[in-house]
Amino acid sequence: MTLDPTRTDTADGQGAANPSRRRVMKTAGVAGTVAVIGGSVAATSACSSDEEAEPTKDANLPVSDVPVGSGTVIEDTYVITQPKEGEFFAFSSVCTHQGCQVTRVTEEAIICPCHSSNFSVTTGEVMSGPAEEPLPKYDVTESGGTLTVTGK
């Protein structure tokens, strides 16, 4: 048997230079599947649950950074609320559902953007799920116009 260098078909009968429609569609399908799976992994990695997500460091911020009737998320570890003038509460900013960062505080709730869990601004308890566990609560003290949150 002699090899013909001008021949373009491969051992399976499919031409390397002119791939069949079936081969093109199969390759496109595999590429599409890989893209969807990769996108899903990337999208959920920011919301992965991590048992060691509890903050271990203290945080300080001016009292003026925490609006009355709302709150503020600091250092991607804590959320501090001030439901009434001079009344401060501190919680982990990591949602107990799938580990997303809470990003918004309203007059009544700390809200997780990933799946819309709502937590109480005074207790951290779940007001609406899918989260089932409250946000961990931390000590917060005020001295000289500065709030200090003490980590575990």
C-alpha atoms as a PDB file:
ATOM      1  CA  MET A   1       0.000   0.000   0.000  1.00  0.00           C
ATOM      2  CA  THR A   2       1.347   3.411  -0.891  1.00  0.00           C
ATOM      3  CA  LEU A   3       0.390   6.666   0.751  1.00  0.00           C
ATOM      4  CA  ASP A   4      -1.094   9.355  -1.478  1.00  0.00           C
ATOM      5  CA  PRO A   5      -0.120  12.810  -0.072  1.00  0.00           C
ATOM      6  CA  THR A   6      -2.986  14.496  -1.964  1.00  0.00           C
ATOM      7  CA  ARG A   7      -5.673  12.385  -0.307  1.00  0.00           C
ATOM      8  CA  THR A   8      -7.598  14.259   2.441  1.00  0.00           C
ATOM      9  CA  ASP A   9      -9.721  11.544   4.040  1.00  0.00           C
ATOM     10  CA  THR A  10      -8.744   9.958   7.337  1.00  0.00           C
ATOM     11  CA  ALA A  11      -8.946   6.365   8.530  1.00  0.00           C
ATOM     12  CA  ASP A  12     -12.596   6.816   9.486  1.00  0.00           C
ATOM     13  CA  GLY A  13     -13.515   8.025   6.015  1.00  0.00           C
ATOM     14  CA  GLN A  14     -14.016  11.639   7.126  1.00  0.00           C
ATOM     15  CA  GLY A  15     -12.041  14.190   5.152  1.00  0.00           C
ATOM     16  CA  ALA A  16      -9.704  16.276   7.296  1.00  0.00           C
ATOM     17  CA  ALA A  17      -9.828  19.159   4.851  1.00  0.00           C
ATOM     18  CA  ASN A  18     -13.595  18.819   4.315  1.00  0.00           C
ATOM     19  CA  PRO A  19     -15.154  17.604   7.562  1.00  0.00           C
ATOM     20  CA  SER A  20     -18.667  16.229   7.365  1.00  0.00           C
ATOM     21  CA  ARG A  21     -21.660  18.186   8.580  1.00  0.00           C
ATOM     22  CA  ARG A  22     -22.157  15.588  11.317  1.00  0.00           C
ATOM     23  CA  ARG A  23     -18.605  16.131  12.631  1.00  0.00           C
ATOM     24  CA  VAL A  24     -19.014  19.927  12.612  1.00  0.00           C
ATOM     25  CA  MET A  25     -22.328  19.697  14.490  1.00  0.00           C
ATOM     26  CA  LYS A  26     -20.894  17.220  16.999  1.00  0.00           C
ATOM     27  CA  THR A  27     -17.893  19.486  17.680  1.00  0.00           C
ATOM     28  CA  ALA A  28     -20.146  22.526  18.066  1.00  0.00           C
ATOM     29  CA  GLY A  29     -22.374  20.609  20.478  1.00  0.00           C
ATOM     30  CA  VAL A  30     -19.438  19.564  22.645  1.00  0.00           C
ATOM     31  CA  ALA A  31     -18.037  23.121  22.638  1.00  0.00           C
ATOM     32  CA  GLY A  32     -21.439  24.530  23.611  1.00  0.00           C
ATOM     33  CA  THR A  33     -21.794  22.056  26.466  1.00  0.00           C
ATOM     34  CA  VAL A  34     -18.337  22.917  27.787  1.00  0.00           C
ATOM     35  CA  ALA A  35     -19.170  26.642  27.627  1.00  0.00           C
ATOM     36  CA  VAL A  36     -22.425  26.174  29.576  1.00  0.00           C
ATOM     37  CA  ILE A  37     -20.769  24.040  32.254  1.00  0.00           C
ATOM     38  CA  GLY A  38     -17.854  26.464  32.564  1.00  0.00           C
ATOM     39  CA  GLY A  39     -20.233  29.410  32.899  1.00  0.00           C
ATOM     40  CA  SER A  40     -22.226  27.621  35.592  1.00  0.00           C
ATOM     41  CA  VAL A  41     -19.121  26.829  37.602  1.00  0.00           C
ATOM     42  CA  ALA A  42     -17.901  30.428  37.352  1.00  0.00           C
ATOM     43  CA  ALA A  43     -21.301  31.847  38.331  1.00  0.00           C
ATOM     44  CA  THR A  44     -21.696  29.637  41.393  1.00  0.00           C
ATOM     45  CA  SER A  45     -18.114  29.821  42.628  1.00  0.00           C
ATOM     46  CA  ALA A  46     -18.853  33.243  44.159  1.00  0.00           C
ATOM     47  CA  CYS A  47     -21.700  31.632  46.086  1.00  0.00           C
ATOM     48  CA  SER A  48     -19.983  28.509  47.302  1.00  0.00           C
ATOM     49  CA  SER A  49     -20.510  27.609  50.917  1.00  0.00           C
ATOM     50  CA  ASP A  50     -17.328  27.763  52.968  1.00  0.00           C
ATOM     51  CA  GLU A  51     -17.331  26.515  56.526  1.00  0.00           C
ATOM     52  CA  GLU A  52     -14.366  28.792  57.331  1.00  0.00           C
ATOM     53  CA  ALA A  53     -16.071  31.972  56.097  1.00  0.00           C
ATOM     54  CA  GLU A  54     -16.464  33.333  59.654  1.00  0.00           C
ATOM     55  CA  PRO A  55     -14.509  36.567  60.034  1.00  0.00           C
ATOM     56  CA  THR A  56     -11.625  36.435  62.471  1.00  0.00           C
ATOM     57  CA  LYS A  57     -10.474  40.050  62.381  1.00  0.00           C
ATOM     58  CA  ASP A  58     -11.867  43.163  63.957  1.00  0.00           C
ATOM     59  CA  ALA A  59     -13.212  45.990  61.805  1.00  0.00           C
ATOM     60  CA  ASN A  60     -13.499  49.699  62.508  1.00  0.00           C
ATOM     61  CA  LEU A  61     -15.512  52.380  60.765  1.00  0.00           C
ATOM     62  CA  PRO A  62     -16.968  55.794  61.552  1.00  0.00           C
ATOM     63  CA  VAL A  63     -20.484  55.878  62.980  1.00  0.00           C
ATOM     64  CA  SER A  64     -21.382  58.246  60.130  1.00  0.00           C
ATOM     65  CA  ASP A  65     -20.769  55.413  57.588  1.00  0.00           C
ATOM     66  CA  VAL A  66     -23.817  53.526  58.899  1.00  0.00           C
ATOM     67  CA  PRO A  67     -27.059  55.309  57.936  1.00  0.00           C
ATOM     68  CA  VAL A  68     -29.936  55.368  60.407  1.00  0.00           C
ATOM     69  CA  GLY A  69     -32.722  53.041  59.228  1.00  0.00           C
ATOM     70  CA  SER A  70     -30.319  51.018  57.092  1.00  0.00           C
ATOM     71  CA  GLY A  71     -26.804  49.642  57.281  1.00  0.00           C
ATOM     72  CA  THR A  72     -23.545  49.123  55.520  1.00  0.00           C
ATOM     73  CA  VAL A  73     -21.465  46.134  54.372  1.00  0.00           C
ATOM     74  CA  ILE A  74     -17.803  46.449  55.301  1.00  0.00           C
ATOM     75  CA  GLU A  75     -14.713  44.561  54.195  1.00  0.00           C
ATOM     76  CA  ASP A  76     -16.830  41.812  52.608  1.00  0.00           C
ATOM     77  CA  THR A  77     -17.046  40.240  56.053  1.00  0.00           C
ATOM     78  CA  TYR A  78     -19.510  42.214  58.159  1.00  0.00           C
ATOM     79  CA  VAL A  79     -22.774  44.048  57.796  1.00  0.00           C
ATOM     80  CA  ILE A  80     -23.553  46.692  60.410  1.00  0.00           C
ATOM     81  CA  THR A  81     -27.076  47.993  60.826  1.00  0.00           C
ATOM     82  CA  GLN A  82     -28.496  51.023  62.627  1.00  0.00           C
ATOM     83  CA  PRO A  83     -32.277  50.553  62.761  1.00  0.00           C
ATOM     84  CA  LYS A  84     -32.641  53.460  65.231  1.00  0.00           C
ATOM     85  CA  GLU A  85     -30.309  56.330  66.044  1.00  0.00           C
ATOM     86  CA  GLY A  86     -27.409  54.995  68.157  1.00  0.00           C
ATOM     87  CA  GLU A  87     -28.564  51.353  68.016  1.00  0.00           C
ATOM     88  CA  PHE A  88     -26.007  49.182  66.165  1.00  0.00           C
ATOM     89  CA  PHE A  89     -25.947  45.496  65.261  1.00  0.00           C
ATOM     90  CA  ALA A  90     -23.252  43.520  63.439  1.00  0.00           C
ATOM     91  CA  PHE A  91     -23.562  40.288  61.493  1.00  0.00           C
ATOM     92  CA  SER A  92     -21.568  38.228  59.046  1.00  0.00           C
ATOM     93  CA  SER A  93     -22.106  39.491  55.510  1.00  0.00           C
ATOM     94  CA  VAL A  94     -21.959  35.914  54.190  1.00  0.00           C
ATOM     95  CA  CYS A  95     -25.417  34.481  53.471  1.00  0.00           C
ATOM     96  CA  THR A  96     -26.039  31.203  55.262  1.00  0.00           C
ATOM     97  CA  HIS A  97     -27.771  29.725  52.215  1.00  0.00           C
ATOM     98  CA  GLN A  98     -24.905  29.373  49.729  1.00  0.00           C
ATOM     99  CA  GLY A  99     -22.229  31.760  50.902  1.00  0.00           C
ATOM    100  CA  CYS A 100     -23.017  34.794  48.739  1.00  0.00           C
ATOM    101  CA  GLN A 101     -22.199  38.269  50.037  1.00  0.00           C
ATOM    102  CA  VAL A 102     -25.206  40.247  51.211  1.00  0.00           C
ATOM    103  CA  THR A 103     -25.121  43.596  49.478  1.00  0.00           C
ATOM    104  CA  ARG A 104     -28.144  45.605  50.513  1.00  0.00           C
ATOM    105  CA  VAL A 105     -29.715  46.753  53.746  1.00  0.00           C
ATOM    106  CA  THR A 106     -33.179  48.277  53.915  1.00  0.00           C
ATOM    107  CA  GLU A 107     -35.114  49.574  56.901  1.00  0.00           C
ATOM    108  CA  GLU A 108     -36.378  46.066  57.613  1.00  0.00           C
ATOM    109  CA  ALA A 109     -34.006  43.554  56.035  1.00  0.00           C
ATOM    110  CA  ILE A 110     -30.492  42.533  55.094  1.00  0.00           C
ATOM    111  CA  ILE A 111     -30.867  41.146  51.584  1.00  0.00           C
ATOM    112  CA  CYS A 112     -28.832  38.534  49.741  1.00  0.00           C
ATOM    113  CA  PRO A 113     -28.758  39.220  45.984  1.00  0.00           C
ATOM    114  CA  CYS A 114     -28.199  35.603  44.931  1.00  0.00           C
ATOM    115  CA  HIS A 115     -31.478  34.016  46.013  1.00  0.00           C
ATOM    116  CA  SER A 116     -33.299  36.852  47.817  1.00  0.00           C
ATOM    117  CA  SER A 117     -32.954  35.604  51.373  1.00  0.00           C
ATOM    118  CA  ASN A 118     -33.949  38.329  53.847  1.00  0.00           C
ATOM    119  CA  PHE A 119     -32.547  38.638  57.361  1.00  0.00           C
ATOM    120  CA  SER A 120     -33.659  40.790  60.312  1.00  0.00           C
ATOM    121  CA  VAL A 121     -31.602  43.975  60.802  1.00  0.00           C
ATOM    122  CA  THR A 122     -31.757  43.519  64.601  1.00  0.00           C
ATOM    123  CA  THR A 123     -31.328  39.764  65.113  1.00  0.00           C
ATOM    124  CA  GLY A 124     -29.960  38.341  61.836  1.00  0.00           C
ATOM    125  CA  GLU A 125     -32.821  35.820  61.859  1.00  0.00           C
ATOM    126  CA  VAL A 126     -34.203  34.602  58.532  1.00  0.00           C
ATOM    127  CA  MET A 127     -37.305  36.552  57.512  1.00  0.00           C
ATOM    128  CA  SER A 128     -37.673  34.790  54.157  1.00  0.00           C
ATOM    129  CA  GLY A 129     -35.651  32.029  52.538  1.00  0.00           C
ATOM    130  CA  PRO A 130     -34.284  29.991  50.967  1.00  0.00           C
ATOM    131  CA  ALA A 131     -31.759  30.510  53.812  1.00  0.00           C
ATOM    132  CA  GLU A 132     -32.702  28.540  56.913  1.00  0.00           C
ATOM    133  CA  GLU A 133     -30.007  29.671  59.359  1.00  0.00           C
ATOM    134  CA  PRO A 134     -29.591  33.212  60.757  1.00  0.00           C
ATOM    135  CA  LEU A 135     -26.576  35.374  59.981  1.00  0.00           C
ATOM    136  CA  PRO A 136     -23.923  34.972  62.696  1.00  0.00           C
ATOM    137  CA  LYS A 137     -24.046  37.927  65.081  1.00  0.00           C
ATOM    138  CA  TYR A 138     -20.989  39.835  66.339  1.00  0.00           C
ATOM    139  CA  ASP A 139     -20.313  42.333  69.082  1.00  0.00           C
ATOM    140  CA  VAL A 140     -20.222  45.953  67.956  1.00  0.00           C
ATOM    141  CA  THR A 141     -19.157  48.816  70.215  1.00  0.00           C
ATOM    142  CA  GLU A 142     -19.074  52.580  69.716  1.00  0.00           C
ATOM    143  CA  SER A 143     -16.404  54.815  71.132  1.00  0.00           C
ATOM    144  CA  GLY A 144     -15.515  58.349  70.093  1.00  0.00           C
ATOM    145  CA  GLY A 145     -17.530  58.171  66.882  1.00  0.00           C
ATOM    146  CA  THR A 146     -15.951  54.885  65.763  1.00  0.00           C
ATOM    147  CA  LEU A 147     -17.656  51.493  65.598  1.00  0.00           C
ATOM    148  CA  THR A 148     -15.621  48.371  66.299  1.00  0.00           C
ATOM    149  CA  VAL A 149     -16.823  44.927  65.303  1.00  0.00           C
ATOM    150  CA  THR A 150     -15.104  42.106  67.141  1.00  0.00           C
ATOM    151  CA  GLY A 151     -14.519  38.917  65.131  1.00  0.00           C
ATOM    152  CA  LYS A 152     -14.370  35.427  66.575  1.00  0.00           C
END
